[in-house]
Amino acid sequence: MTKPTTTALAANSRPRRGTAARLARMVPVAYSELRDLVGILRDAESDAQPDTMGQRVLPDLETLIAESESVGVPVELVERGDRSQVSLVVGRTAHRVAQEALTNVRKHAPGAFARVHVHYDRDVVRLIVHNTAPTRTADPALAGAGPGTGLLGLRQRVELVNGTLSARSCGNGGFEIQATLPTQVSV
């Protein structure tokens, strides 16, 4: 029986190391998504129970906008309607959609202006995040950061609350993400 050479062993382990490195990058993202999903389920459960304080605190879009502006993404927030009827789980989902969209602007459209438009209707929340065309070239290291599953994960999150998500390039070089969410989710 012949022993494999050191060169053969090293060549055979390269694909495994690449796979292991990809898995190591994906585990924290998967863990974060799982934590968020558990939070969504907890929010849905707490939405089904009366709030003893009589108040619901939805995630703050203004803080998210300020965070985006602090890293160089100019953003306008336009909110219309009564947000008091929106369940916590839907509010968290809308916040996450806006967060992912603004992260994508920062990564893929440097120098672009973004607008977050939220319309709270009686039965639905409509969220549109639109950005203009980038004015600078994207940094490949920043654009390539992360596992690249942001929009897919976002679509799955939106579908968990019976909503819809669409993402499209605009003719002017910009990009737009639209989410339509029910104001309440049955548990």
N, C-alpha and C. Protein backbone atom coordinates (compact mmCIF):
# COMPACT_ATOMS: atom_id res chain seq x y z
N MET A 1 0.85 -1.19 0.00
CA MET A 1 0.00 0.00 0.00
C MET A 1 0.89 1.24 0.00
N THR A 2 0.58 2.20 -0.87
CA THR A 2 1.39 3.41 -0.95
C THR A 2 0.78 4.50 -0.10
N LYS A 3 1.67 5.27 0.49
CA LYS A 3 1.22 6.40 1.31
C LYS A 3 1.03 7.61 0.42
N PRO A 4 -0.02 8.42 0.67
CA PRO A 4 -0.19 9.64 -0.11
C PRO A 4 0.95 10.61 0.22
N THR A 5 1.34 11.36 -0.78
CA THR A 5 2.41 12.34 -0.57
C THR A 5 1.86 13.57 0.13
N THR A 6 2.76 14.33 0.72
CA THR A 6 2.37 15.57 1.39
C THR A 6 1.73 16.52 0.39
N THR A 7 2.24 16.57 -0.83
CA THR A 7 1.68 17.44 -1.86
C THR A 7 0.25 17.03 -2.19
N ALA A 8 0.02 15.72 -2.30
CA ALA A 8 -1.33 15.24 -2.61
C ALA A 8 -2.29 15.56 -1.47
N LEU A 9 -1.84 15.39 -0.24
CA LEU A 9 -2.69 15.72 0.90
C LEU A 9 -3.01 17.20 0.96
N ALA A 10 -2.02 18.06 0.71
CA ALA A 10 -2.25 19.51 0.73
C ALA A 10 -3.22 19.91 -0.37
N ALA A 11 -3.07 19.36 -1.56
CA ALA A 11 -3.96 19.70 -2.68
C ALA A 11 -5.38 19.24 -2.38
N ASN A 12 -5.52 18.09 -1.74
CA ASN A 12 -6.83 17.56 -1.41
C ASN A 12 -7.53 18.38 -0.32
N SER A 13 -6.75 19.02 0.56
CA SER A 13 -7.37 19.76 1.66
C SER A 13 -7.73 21.20 1.28
N ARG A 14 -7.21 21.71 0.16
CA ARG A 14 -7.53 23.09 -0.25
C ARG A 14 -9.03 23.32 -0.43
N PRO A 15 -9.74 22.46 -1.17
CA PRO A 15 -11.19 22.69 -1.31
C PRO A 15 -11.91 22.65 0.03
N ARG A 16 -11.46 21.77 0.93
CA ARG A 16 -12.10 21.68 2.24
C ARG A 16 -11.87 22.95 3.04
N ARG A 17 -10.65 23.51 2.95
CA ARG A 17 -10.38 24.76 3.67
C ARG A 17 -11.24 25.89 3.13
N GLY A 18 -11.42 25.94 1.81
CA GLY A 18 -12.28 26.96 1.22
C GLY A 18 -13.72 26.83 1.68
N THR A 19 -14.20 25.59 1.74
CA THR A 19 -15.55 25.34 2.22
C THR A 19 -15.67 25.72 3.69
N ALA A 20 -14.67 25.35 4.46
CA ALA A 20 -14.68 25.69 5.90
C ALA A 20 -14.66 27.20 6.09
N ALA A 21 -13.89 27.90 5.28
CA ALA A 21 -13.83 29.37 5.40
C ALA A 21 -15.18 29.99 5.06
N ARG A 22 -15.85 29.48 4.02
CA ARG A 22 -17.18 29.99 3.67
C ARG A 22 -18.17 29.73 4.79
N LEU A 23 -18.12 28.54 5.36
CA LEU A 23 -19.02 28.22 6.47
C LEU A 23 -18.74 29.11 7.67
N ALA A 24 -17.47 29.37 7.94
CA ALA A 24 -17.12 30.23 9.08
C ALA A 24 -17.66 31.64 8.89
N ARG A 25 -17.72 32.12 7.64
CA ARG A 25 -18.29 33.45 7.39
C ARG A 25 -19.81 33.43 7.49
N MET A 26 -20.43 32.31 7.16
CA MET A 26 -21.89 32.24 7.14
C MET A 26 -22.50 31.99 8.52
N VAL A 27 -21.78 31.35 9.42
CA VAL A 27 -22.33 31.00 10.73
C VAL A 27 -22.79 32.23 11.51
N PRO A 28 -21.97 33.30 11.63
CA PRO A 28 -22.46 34.46 12.37
C PRO A 28 -23.70 35.09 11.73
N VAL A 29 -23.77 35.09 10.41
CA VAL A 29 -24.93 35.65 9.72
C VAL A 29 -26.16 34.79 10.00
N ALA A 30 -26.00 33.47 9.92
CA ALA A 30 -27.11 32.57 10.19
C ALA A 30 -27.58 32.72 11.64
N TYR A 31 -26.63 32.84 12.55
CA TYR A 31 -26.98 33.03 13.96
C TYR A 31 -27.75 34.33 14.16
N SER A 32 -27.31 35.38 13.52
CA SER A 32 -27.99 36.67 13.63
C SER A 32 -29.41 36.58 13.07
N GLU A 33 -29.56 35.93 11.91
CA GLU A 33 -30.89 35.76 11.32
C GLU A 33 -31.79 34.93 12.22
N LEU A 34 -31.22 33.89 12.85
CA LEU A 34 -32.01 33.06 13.76
C LEU A 34 -32.46 33.87 14.97
N ARG A 35 -31.56 34.69 15.52
CA ARG A 35 -31.92 35.56 16.65
C ARG A 35 -33.05 36.50 16.24
N ASP A 36 -32.93 37.08 15.03
CA ASP A 36 -33.97 37.98 14.56
C ASP A 36 -35.31 37.25 14.39
N LEU A 37 -35.26 36.02 13.87
CA LEU A 37 -36.48 35.25 13.68
C LEU A 37 -37.14 34.95 15.02
N VAL A 38 -36.34 34.58 16.01
CA VAL A 38 -36.89 34.34 17.35
C VAL A 38 -37.52 35.63 17.87
N GLY A 39 -36.87 36.76 17.62
CA GLY A 39 -37.44 38.05 18.03
C GLY A 39 -38.76 38.33 17.35
N ILE A 40 -38.84 37.99 16.06
CA ILE A 40 -40.10 38.18 15.32
C ILE A 40 -41.20 37.33 15.94
N LEU A 41 -40.88 36.07 16.24
CA LEU A 41 -41.88 35.19 16.83
C LEU A 41 -42.30 35.68 18.21
N ARG A 42 -41.35 36.17 19.00
CA ARG A 42 -41.70 36.72 20.31
C ARG A 42 -42.58 37.96 20.17
N ASP A 43 -42.22 38.82 19.18
CA ASP A 43 -43.03 40.01 18.96
C ASP A 43 -44.45 39.64 18.56
N ALA A 44 -44.58 38.62 17.70
CA ALA A 44 -45.91 38.20 17.26
C ALA A 44 -46.70 37.70 18.46
N GLU A 45 -46.05 36.97 19.36
CA GLU A 45 -46.72 36.48 20.56
C GLU A 45 -47.14 37.64 21.46
N SER A 46 -46.25 38.61 21.64
CA SER A 46 -46.59 39.73 22.52
C SER A 46 -47.65 40.63 21.89
N ASP A 47 -47.71 40.67 20.55
CA ASP A 47 -48.77 41.43 19.87
C ASP A 47 -50.14 40.83 20.16
N ALA A 48 -50.17 39.53 20.38
CA ALA A 48 -51.44 38.85 20.61
C ALA A 48 -51.95 39.09 22.03
N GLN A 49 -51.08 39.56 22.91
CA GLN A 49 -51.46 39.81 24.29
C GLN A 49 -51.60 41.31 24.51
N PRO A 50 -52.54 41.73 25.36
CA PRO A 50 -52.68 43.16 25.61
C PRO A 50 -51.44 43.71 26.31
N ASP A 51 -51.06 44.91 25.94
CA ASP A 51 -49.92 45.59 26.54
C ASP A 51 -50.38 46.28 27.82
N THR A 52 -49.73 45.95 28.93
CA THR A 52 -50.16 46.49 30.21
C THR A 52 -49.94 47.98 30.33
N MET A 53 -48.99 48.50 29.59
CA MET A 53 -48.71 49.94 29.64
C MET A 53 -49.57 50.72 28.65
N GLY A 54 -50.26 50.01 27.76
CA GLY A 54 -51.10 50.70 26.80
C GLY A 54 -50.31 51.36 25.68
N GLN A 55 -49.02 51.04 25.57
CA GLN A 55 -48.17 51.67 24.56
C GLN A 55 -47.38 50.60 23.82
N ARG A 56 -47.18 50.81 22.56
CA ARG A 56 -46.29 49.96 21.78
C ARG A 56 -45.18 50.84 21.26
N VAL A 57 -43.97 50.37 21.36
CA VAL A 57 -42.85 51.14 20.87
C VAL A 57 -42.31 50.44 19.63
N LEU A 58 -42.55 51.05 18.48
CA LEU A 58 -42.03 50.50 17.23
C LEU A 58 -40.57 50.89 17.08
N PRO A 59 -39.80 50.09 16.35
CA PRO A 59 -38.42 50.47 16.10
C PRO A 59 -38.35 51.85 15.45
N ASP A 60 -37.36 52.61 15.84
CA ASP A 60 -37.24 54.01 15.45
C ASP A 60 -36.54 54.17 14.11
N LEU A 61 -37.27 54.55 13.09
CA LEU A 61 -36.68 54.78 11.77
C LEU A 61 -35.78 56.02 11.78
N GLU A 62 -36.11 56.99 12.60
CA GLU A 62 -35.29 58.22 12.64
C GLU A 62 -33.87 57.92 13.10
N THR A 63 -33.72 57.02 14.07
CA THR A 63 -32.39 56.62 14.52
C THR A 63 -31.65 55.90 13.40
N LEU A 64 -32.35 55.04 12.67
CA LEU A 64 -31.75 54.34 11.54
C LEU A 64 -31.27 55.33 10.47
N ILE A 65 -32.07 56.34 10.20
CA ILE A 65 -31.71 57.37 9.22
C ILE A 65 -30.46 58.10 9.70
N ALA A 66 -30.43 58.47 10.97
CA ALA A 66 -29.27 59.18 11.53
C ALA A 66 -28.00 58.32 11.43
N GLU A 67 -28.14 57.03 11.68
CA GLU A 67 -26.99 56.13 11.55
C GLU A 67 -26.48 56.09 10.11
N SER A 68 -27.39 56.03 9.16
CA SER A 68 -26.99 56.01 7.75
C SER A 68 -26.29 57.31 7.36
N GLU A 69 -26.85 58.43 7.82
CA GLU A 69 -26.24 59.71 7.51
C GLU A 69 -24.87 59.85 8.14
N SER A 70 -24.67 59.23 9.32
CA SER A 70 -23.37 59.32 9.99
C SER A 70 -22.27 58.58 9.23
N VAL A 71 -22.64 57.65 8.35
CA VAL A 71 -21.64 56.95 7.53
C VAL A 71 -21.66 57.45 6.08
N GLY A 72 -22.27 58.62 5.86
CA GLY A 72 -22.17 59.27 4.56
C GLY A 72 -23.29 59.04 3.58
N VAL A 73 -24.42 58.48 4.02
CA VAL A 73 -25.55 58.28 3.12
C VAL A 73 -26.62 59.32 3.46
N PRO A 74 -26.80 60.34 2.60
CA PRO A 74 -27.87 61.30 2.87
C PRO A 74 -29.23 60.66 2.63
N VAL A 75 -30.12 60.80 3.62
CA VAL A 75 -31.41 60.12 3.56
C VAL A 75 -32.52 61.08 3.97
N GLU A 76 -33.63 61.00 3.24
CA GLU A 76 -34.84 61.73 3.62
C GLU A 76 -35.86 60.70 4.08
N LEU A 77 -36.49 60.94 5.21
CA LEU A 77 -37.54 60.07 5.73
C LEU A 77 -38.87 60.78 5.57
N VAL A 78 -39.81 60.10 4.92
CA VAL A 78 -41.17 60.62 4.76
C VAL A 78 -42.11 59.57 5.35
N GLU A 79 -42.79 59.93 6.43
CA GLU A 79 -43.76 59.02 7.05
C GLU A 79 -45.13 59.66 6.98
N ARG A 80 -46.12 58.87 6.56
CA ARG A 80 -47.50 59.34 6.49
C ARG A 80 -48.41 58.31 7.15
N GLY A 81 -49.43 58.81 7.80
CA GLY A 81 -50.41 57.92 8.41
C GLY A 81 -50.16 57.69 9.88
N ASP A 82 -50.99 56.83 10.44
CA ASP A 82 -50.98 56.54 11.88
C ASP A 82 -50.26 55.23 12.13
N ARG A 83 -49.10 55.31 12.73
CA ARG A 83 -48.32 54.10 12.98
C ARG A 83 -48.75 53.37 14.24
N SER A 84 -49.68 53.93 14.99
CA SER A 84 -50.08 53.31 16.26
C SER A 84 -50.80 51.98 16.06
N GLN A 85 -51.33 51.71 14.88
CA GLN A 85 -52.05 50.45 14.63
C GLN A 85 -51.14 49.33 14.14
N VAL A 86 -49.86 49.62 13.97
CA VAL A 86 -48.92 48.64 13.43
C VAL A 86 -48.41 47.75 14.56
N SER A 87 -48.48 46.44 14.34
CA SER A 87 -47.99 45.50 15.36
C SER A 87 -46.47 45.58 15.46
N LEU A 88 -45.95 45.14 16.59
CA LEU A 88 -44.50 45.19 16.81
C LEU A 88 -43.74 44.36 15.78
N VAL A 89 -44.26 43.18 15.47
CA VAL A 89 -43.56 42.32 14.52
C VAL A 89 -43.50 42.97 13.13
N VAL A 90 -44.56 43.64 12.73
CA VAL A 90 -44.57 44.32 11.44
C VAL A 90 -43.64 45.54 11.49
N GLY A 91 -43.65 46.25 12.60
CA GLY A 91 -42.74 47.39 12.76
C GLY A 91 -41.29 46.97 12.68
N ARG A 92 -40.96 45.85 13.32
CA ARG A 92 -39.58 45.33 13.25
C ARG A 92 -39.23 44.92 11.83
N THR A 93 -40.17 44.31 11.14
CA THR A 93 -39.92 43.88 9.77
C THR A 93 -39.69 45.08 8.87
N ALA A 94 -40.51 46.11 8.99
CA ALA A 94 -40.34 47.33 8.19
C ALA A 94 -38.99 47.97 8.50
N HIS A 95 -38.61 48.01 9.76
CA HIS A 95 -37.32 48.56 10.16
C HIS A 95 -36.18 47.78 9.51
N ARG A 96 -36.29 46.46 9.50
CA ARG A 96 -35.24 45.62 8.91
C ARG A 96 -35.15 45.82 7.41
N VAL A 97 -36.28 46.00 6.74
CA VAL A 97 -36.27 46.28 5.30
C VAL A 97 -35.53 47.59 5.03
N ALA A 98 -35.88 48.62 5.78
CA ALA A 98 -35.21 49.91 5.60
C ALA A 98 -33.72 49.80 5.90
N GLN A 99 -33.37 49.07 6.95
CA GLN A 99 -31.97 48.90 7.34
C GLN A 99 -31.17 48.21 6.23
N GLU A 100 -31.70 47.13 5.69
CA GLU A 100 -31.01 46.40 4.63
C GLU A 100 -30.88 47.25 3.38
N ALA A 101 -31.95 47.96 3.03
CA ALA A 101 -31.92 48.80 1.84
C ALA A 101 -30.87 49.90 1.97
N LEU A 102 -30.80 50.54 3.14
CA LEU A 102 -29.82 51.60 3.34
C LEU A 102 -28.40 51.05 3.40
N THR A 103 -28.24 49.85 3.94
CA THR A 103 -26.92 49.19 3.92
C THR A 103 -26.49 48.94 2.48
N ASN A 104 -27.43 48.50 1.64
CA ASN A 104 -27.11 48.27 0.24
C ASN A 104 -26.74 49.56 -0.49
N VAL A 105 -27.38 50.67 -0.13
CA VAL A 105 -27.02 51.96 -0.73
C VAL A 105 -25.56 52.27 -0.37
N ARG A 106 -25.23 52.11 0.89
CA ARG A 106 -23.86 52.41 1.34
C ARG A 106 -22.85 51.52 0.64
N LYS A 107 -23.17 50.23 0.48
CA LYS A 107 -22.22 49.29 -0.11
C LYS A 107 -22.12 49.40 -1.63
N HIS A 108 -23.25 49.61 -2.30
CA HIS A 108 -23.27 49.50 -3.76
C HIS A 108 -23.49 50.81 -4.51
N ALA A 109 -23.86 51.88 -3.80
CA ALA A 109 -24.16 53.14 -4.49
C ALA A 109 -23.56 54.33 -3.73
N PRO A 110 -22.24 54.37 -3.59
CA PRO A 110 -21.63 55.48 -2.84
C PRO A 110 -21.95 56.83 -3.49
N GLY A 111 -22.29 57.78 -2.64
CA GLY A 111 -22.63 59.12 -3.12
C GLY A 111 -24.09 59.29 -3.48
N ALA A 112 -24.86 58.21 -3.45
CA ALA A 112 -26.28 58.29 -3.81
C ALA A 112 -27.09 58.91 -2.66
N PHE A 113 -28.19 59.52 -3.02
CA PHE A 113 -29.17 60.04 -2.07
C PHE A 113 -30.27 59.00 -1.94
N ALA A 114 -30.76 58.79 -0.73
CA ALA A 114 -31.82 57.80 -0.51
C ALA A 114 -33.04 58.47 0.11
N ARG A 115 -34.19 57.94 -0.21
CA ARG A 115 -35.45 58.39 0.39
C ARG A 115 -36.17 57.16 0.92
N VAL A 116 -36.59 57.24 2.18
CA VAL A 116 -37.38 56.18 2.80
C VAL A 116 -38.78 56.75 2.97
N HIS A 117 -39.72 56.14 2.28
CA HIS A 117 -41.11 56.59 2.32
C HIS A 117 -41.94 55.48 2.97
N VAL A 118 -42.61 55.81 4.07
CA VAL A 118 -43.45 54.84 4.76
C VAL A 118 -44.86 55.40 4.84
N HIS A 119 -45.82 54.61 4.38
CA HIS A 119 -47.22 55.01 4.45
C HIS A 119 -47.95 53.98 5.32
N TYR A 120 -48.43 54.44 6.46
CA TYR A 120 -49.19 53.59 7.37
C TYR A 120 -50.67 53.75 7.03
N ASP A 121 -51.25 52.73 6.45
CA ASP A 121 -52.67 52.72 6.13
C ASP A 121 -53.38 51.88 7.19
N ARG A 122 -54.69 51.82 7.11
CA ARG A 122 -55.44 51.07 8.12
C ARG A 122 -55.07 49.58 8.11
N ASP A 123 -54.90 49.00 6.93
CA ASP A 123 -54.65 47.56 6.82
C ASP A 123 -53.23 47.19 6.41
N VAL A 124 -52.50 48.11 5.82
CA VAL A 124 -51.16 47.78 5.32
C VAL A 124 -50.17 48.91 5.61
N VAL A 125 -48.91 48.50 5.63
CA VAL A 125 -47.80 49.44 5.69
C VAL A 125 -47.07 49.30 4.36
N ARG A 126 -46.90 50.43 3.68
CA ARG A 126 -46.15 50.42 2.42
C ARG A 126 -44.83 51.15 2.66
N LEU A 127 -43.75 50.46 2.37
CA LEU A 127 -42.41 51.01 2.58
C LEU A 127 -41.68 51.00 1.24
N ILE A 128 -41.16 52.15 0.86
CA ILE A 128 -40.37 52.26 -0.36
C ILE A 128 -39.05 52.92 0.00
N VAL A 129 -37.95 52.26 -0.36
CA VAL A 129 -36.63 52.86 -0.20
C VAL A 129 -36.05 52.98 -1.59
N HIS A 130 -35.83 54.21 -2.01
CA HIS A 130 -35.32 54.50 -3.35
C HIS A 130 -34.01 55.26 -3.22
N ASN A 131 -33.05 54.89 -4.03
CA ASN A 131 -31.81 55.67 -4.07
C ASN A 131 -31.50 56.10 -5.49
N THR A 132 -30.82 57.24 -5.58
CA THR A 132 -30.39 57.74 -6.87
C THR A 132 -29.18 56.95 -7.34
N ALA A 133 -28.71 57.25 -8.51
CA ALA A 133 -27.52 56.58 -9.05
C ALA A 133 -26.30 56.94 -8.21
N PRO A 134 -25.35 56.02 -8.10
CA PRO A 134 -24.13 56.34 -7.36
C PRO A 134 -23.33 57.42 -8.09
N THR A 135 -22.59 58.20 -7.32
CA THR A 135 -21.75 59.23 -7.91
C THR A 135 -20.27 58.83 -7.88
N ARG A 136 -20.00 57.72 -7.17
CA ARG A 136 -18.63 57.21 -7.09
C ARG A 136 -18.66 55.70 -7.34
N THR A 137 -17.50 55.16 -7.60
CA THR A 137 -17.37 53.72 -7.79
C THR A 137 -17.41 53.03 -6.42
N ALA A 138 -18.12 51.91 -6.36
CA ALA A 138 -18.23 51.16 -5.11
C ALA A 138 -16.89 50.52 -4.76
N ASP A 139 -16.59 50.50 -3.48
CA ASP A 139 -15.40 49.84 -2.97
C ASP A 139 -15.64 48.34 -3.05
N PRO A 140 -14.84 47.60 -3.83
CA PRO A 140 -15.08 46.16 -3.98
C PRO A 140 -15.06 45.40 -2.65
N ALA A 141 -14.21 45.82 -1.72
CA ALA A 141 -14.14 45.14 -0.42
C ALA A 141 -15.44 45.33 0.35
N LEU A 142 -15.99 46.53 0.29
CA LEU A 142 -17.24 46.80 1.00
C LEU A 142 -18.42 46.15 0.28
N ALA A 143 -18.45 46.26 -1.05
CA ALA A 143 -19.55 45.68 -1.82
C ALA A 143 -19.58 44.16 -1.70
N GLY A 144 -18.41 43.55 -1.53
CA GLY A 144 -18.34 42.09 -1.43
C GLY A 144 -18.46 41.57 -0.02
N ALA A 145 -18.57 42.47 0.96
CA ALA A 145 -18.65 42.04 2.36
C ALA A 145 -19.99 41.36 2.63
N GLY A 146 -19.97 40.36 3.46
CA GLY A 146 -21.20 39.65 3.82
C GLY A 146 -21.44 38.48 2.90
N PRO A 147 -22.42 37.66 3.23
CA PRO A 147 -22.67 36.44 2.47
C PRO A 147 -23.43 36.66 1.17
N GLY A 148 -23.97 37.87 0.96
CA GLY A 148 -24.70 38.14 -0.28
C GLY A 148 -26.11 37.60 -0.30
N THR A 149 -26.70 37.39 0.86
CA THR A 149 -28.07 36.85 0.93
C THR A 149 -29.05 37.87 1.48
N GLY A 150 -28.68 39.14 1.47
CA GLY A 150 -29.50 40.18 2.08
C GLY A 150 -30.91 40.25 1.54
N LEU A 151 -31.07 40.37 0.23
CA LEU A 151 -32.41 40.51 -0.34
C LEU A 151 -33.22 39.22 -0.23
N LEU A 152 -32.56 38.08 -0.37
CA LEU A 152 -33.27 36.81 -0.22
C LEU A 152 -33.77 36.65 1.22
N GLY A 153 -32.91 36.93 2.19
CA GLY A 153 -33.30 36.85 3.59
C GLY A 153 -34.40 37.84 3.92
N LEU A 154 -34.31 39.01 3.31
CA LEU A 154 -35.34 40.04 3.52
C LEU A 154 -36.68 39.59 2.97
N ARG A 155 -36.66 39.02 1.78
CA ARG A 155 -37.91 38.53 1.17
C ARG A 155 -38.54 37.46 2.07
N GLN A 156 -37.72 36.55 2.60
CA GLN A 156 -38.23 35.51 3.48
C GLN A 156 -38.82 36.11 4.76
N ARG A 157 -38.16 37.10 5.31
CA ARG A 157 -38.65 37.76 6.53
C ARG A 157 -40.00 38.43 6.27
N VAL A 158 -40.11 39.11 5.13
CA VAL A 158 -41.36 39.80 4.77
C VAL A 158 -42.48 38.78 4.55
N GLU A 159 -42.16 37.67 3.90
CA GLU A 159 -43.17 36.64 3.67
C GLU A 159 -43.64 35.99 4.97
N LEU A 160 -42.78 35.96 5.99
CA LEU A 160 -43.18 35.41 7.30
C LEU A 160 -44.35 36.17 7.91
N VAL A 161 -44.47 37.45 7.59
CA VAL A 161 -45.58 38.25 8.11
C VAL A 161 -46.66 38.47 7.05
N ASN A 162 -46.64 37.62 6.00
CA ASN A 162 -47.63 37.68 4.91
C ASN A 162 -47.52 38.96 4.09
N GLY A 163 -46.31 39.45 3.93
CA GLY A 163 -46.09 40.64 3.12
C GLY A 163 -45.45 40.28 1.79
N THR A 164 -45.20 41.32 0.99
CA THR A 164 -44.52 41.13 -0.29
C THR A 164 -43.35 42.09 -0.37
N LEU A 165 -42.33 41.69 -1.12
CA LEU A 165 -41.14 42.50 -1.31
C LEU A 165 -40.75 42.46 -2.77
N SER A 166 -40.41 43.62 -3.31
CA SER A 166 -39.87 43.66 -4.66
C SER A 166 -38.65 44.57 -4.66
N ALA A 167 -37.72 44.26 -5.52
CA ALA A 167 -36.50 45.05 -5.66
C ALA A 167 -36.22 45.19 -7.15
N ARG A 168 -35.88 46.41 -7.56
CA ARG A 168 -35.65 46.62 -9.00
C ARG A 168 -34.68 47.76 -9.24
N SER A 169 -33.98 47.65 -10.34
CA SER A 169 -33.15 48.76 -10.80
C SER A 169 -34.05 49.78 -11.46
N CYS A 170 -33.72 51.03 -11.29
CA CYS A 170 -34.50 52.11 -11.91
C CYS A 170 -33.77 52.61 -13.15
N GLY A 171 -34.49 53.16 -14.06
CA GLY A 171 -33.93 53.64 -15.32
C GLY A 171 -32.87 54.73 -15.15
N ASN A 172 -32.91 55.44 -14.04
CA ASN A 172 -31.96 56.53 -13.83
C ASN A 172 -30.67 56.08 -13.16
N GLY A 173 -30.47 54.76 -13.03
CA GLY A 173 -29.27 54.25 -12.39
C GLY A 173 -29.44 54.00 -10.91
N GLY A 174 -30.61 54.31 -10.39
CA GLY A 174 -30.88 54.08 -8.98
C GLY A 174 -31.45 52.70 -8.74
N PHE A 175 -31.93 52.50 -7.54
CA PHE A 175 -32.47 51.20 -7.14
C PHE A 175 -33.64 51.45 -6.19
N GLU A 176 -34.59 50.52 -6.17
CA GLU A 176 -35.76 50.69 -5.32
C GLU A 176 -36.18 49.36 -4.72
N ILE A 177 -36.46 49.40 -3.43
CA ILE A 177 -37.01 48.25 -2.72
C ILE A 177 -38.38 48.67 -2.19
N GLN A 178 -39.39 47.83 -2.45
CA GLN A 178 -40.74 48.09 -1.96
C GLN A 178 -41.22 46.91 -1.14
N ALA A 179 -41.79 47.21 0.00
CA ALA A 179 -42.40 46.17 0.84
C ALA A 179 -43.82 46.59 1.18
N THR A 180 -44.72 45.64 1.11
CA THR A 180 -46.09 45.85 1.54
C THR A 180 -46.35 44.83 2.63
N LEU A 181 -46.71 45.34 3.81
CA LEU A 181 -46.88 44.50 4.99
C LEU A 181 -48.25 44.72 5.59
N PRO A 182 -48.88 43.68 6.13
CA PRO A 182 -50.13 43.90 6.84
C PRO A 182 -49.83 44.64 8.14
N THR A 183 -50.75 45.43 8.64
CA THR A 183 -50.49 46.13 9.90
C THR A 183 -50.49 45.17 11.08
N GLN A 184 -51.25 44.09 10.99
CA GLN A 184 -51.33 43.10 12.06
C GLN A 184 -51.01 41.72 11.50
N VAL A 185 -50.45 40.88 12.37
CA VAL A 185 -50.14 39.50 11.98
C VAL A 185 -50.81 38.58 12.97
N SER A 186 -51.51 37.57 12.46
CA SER A 186 -52.14 36.57 13.34
C SER A 186 -51.09 35.56 13.78
N VAL A 187 -51.18 35.17 15.02
CA VAL A 187 -50.22 34.18 15.55
C VAL A 187 -50.82 32.81 15.48
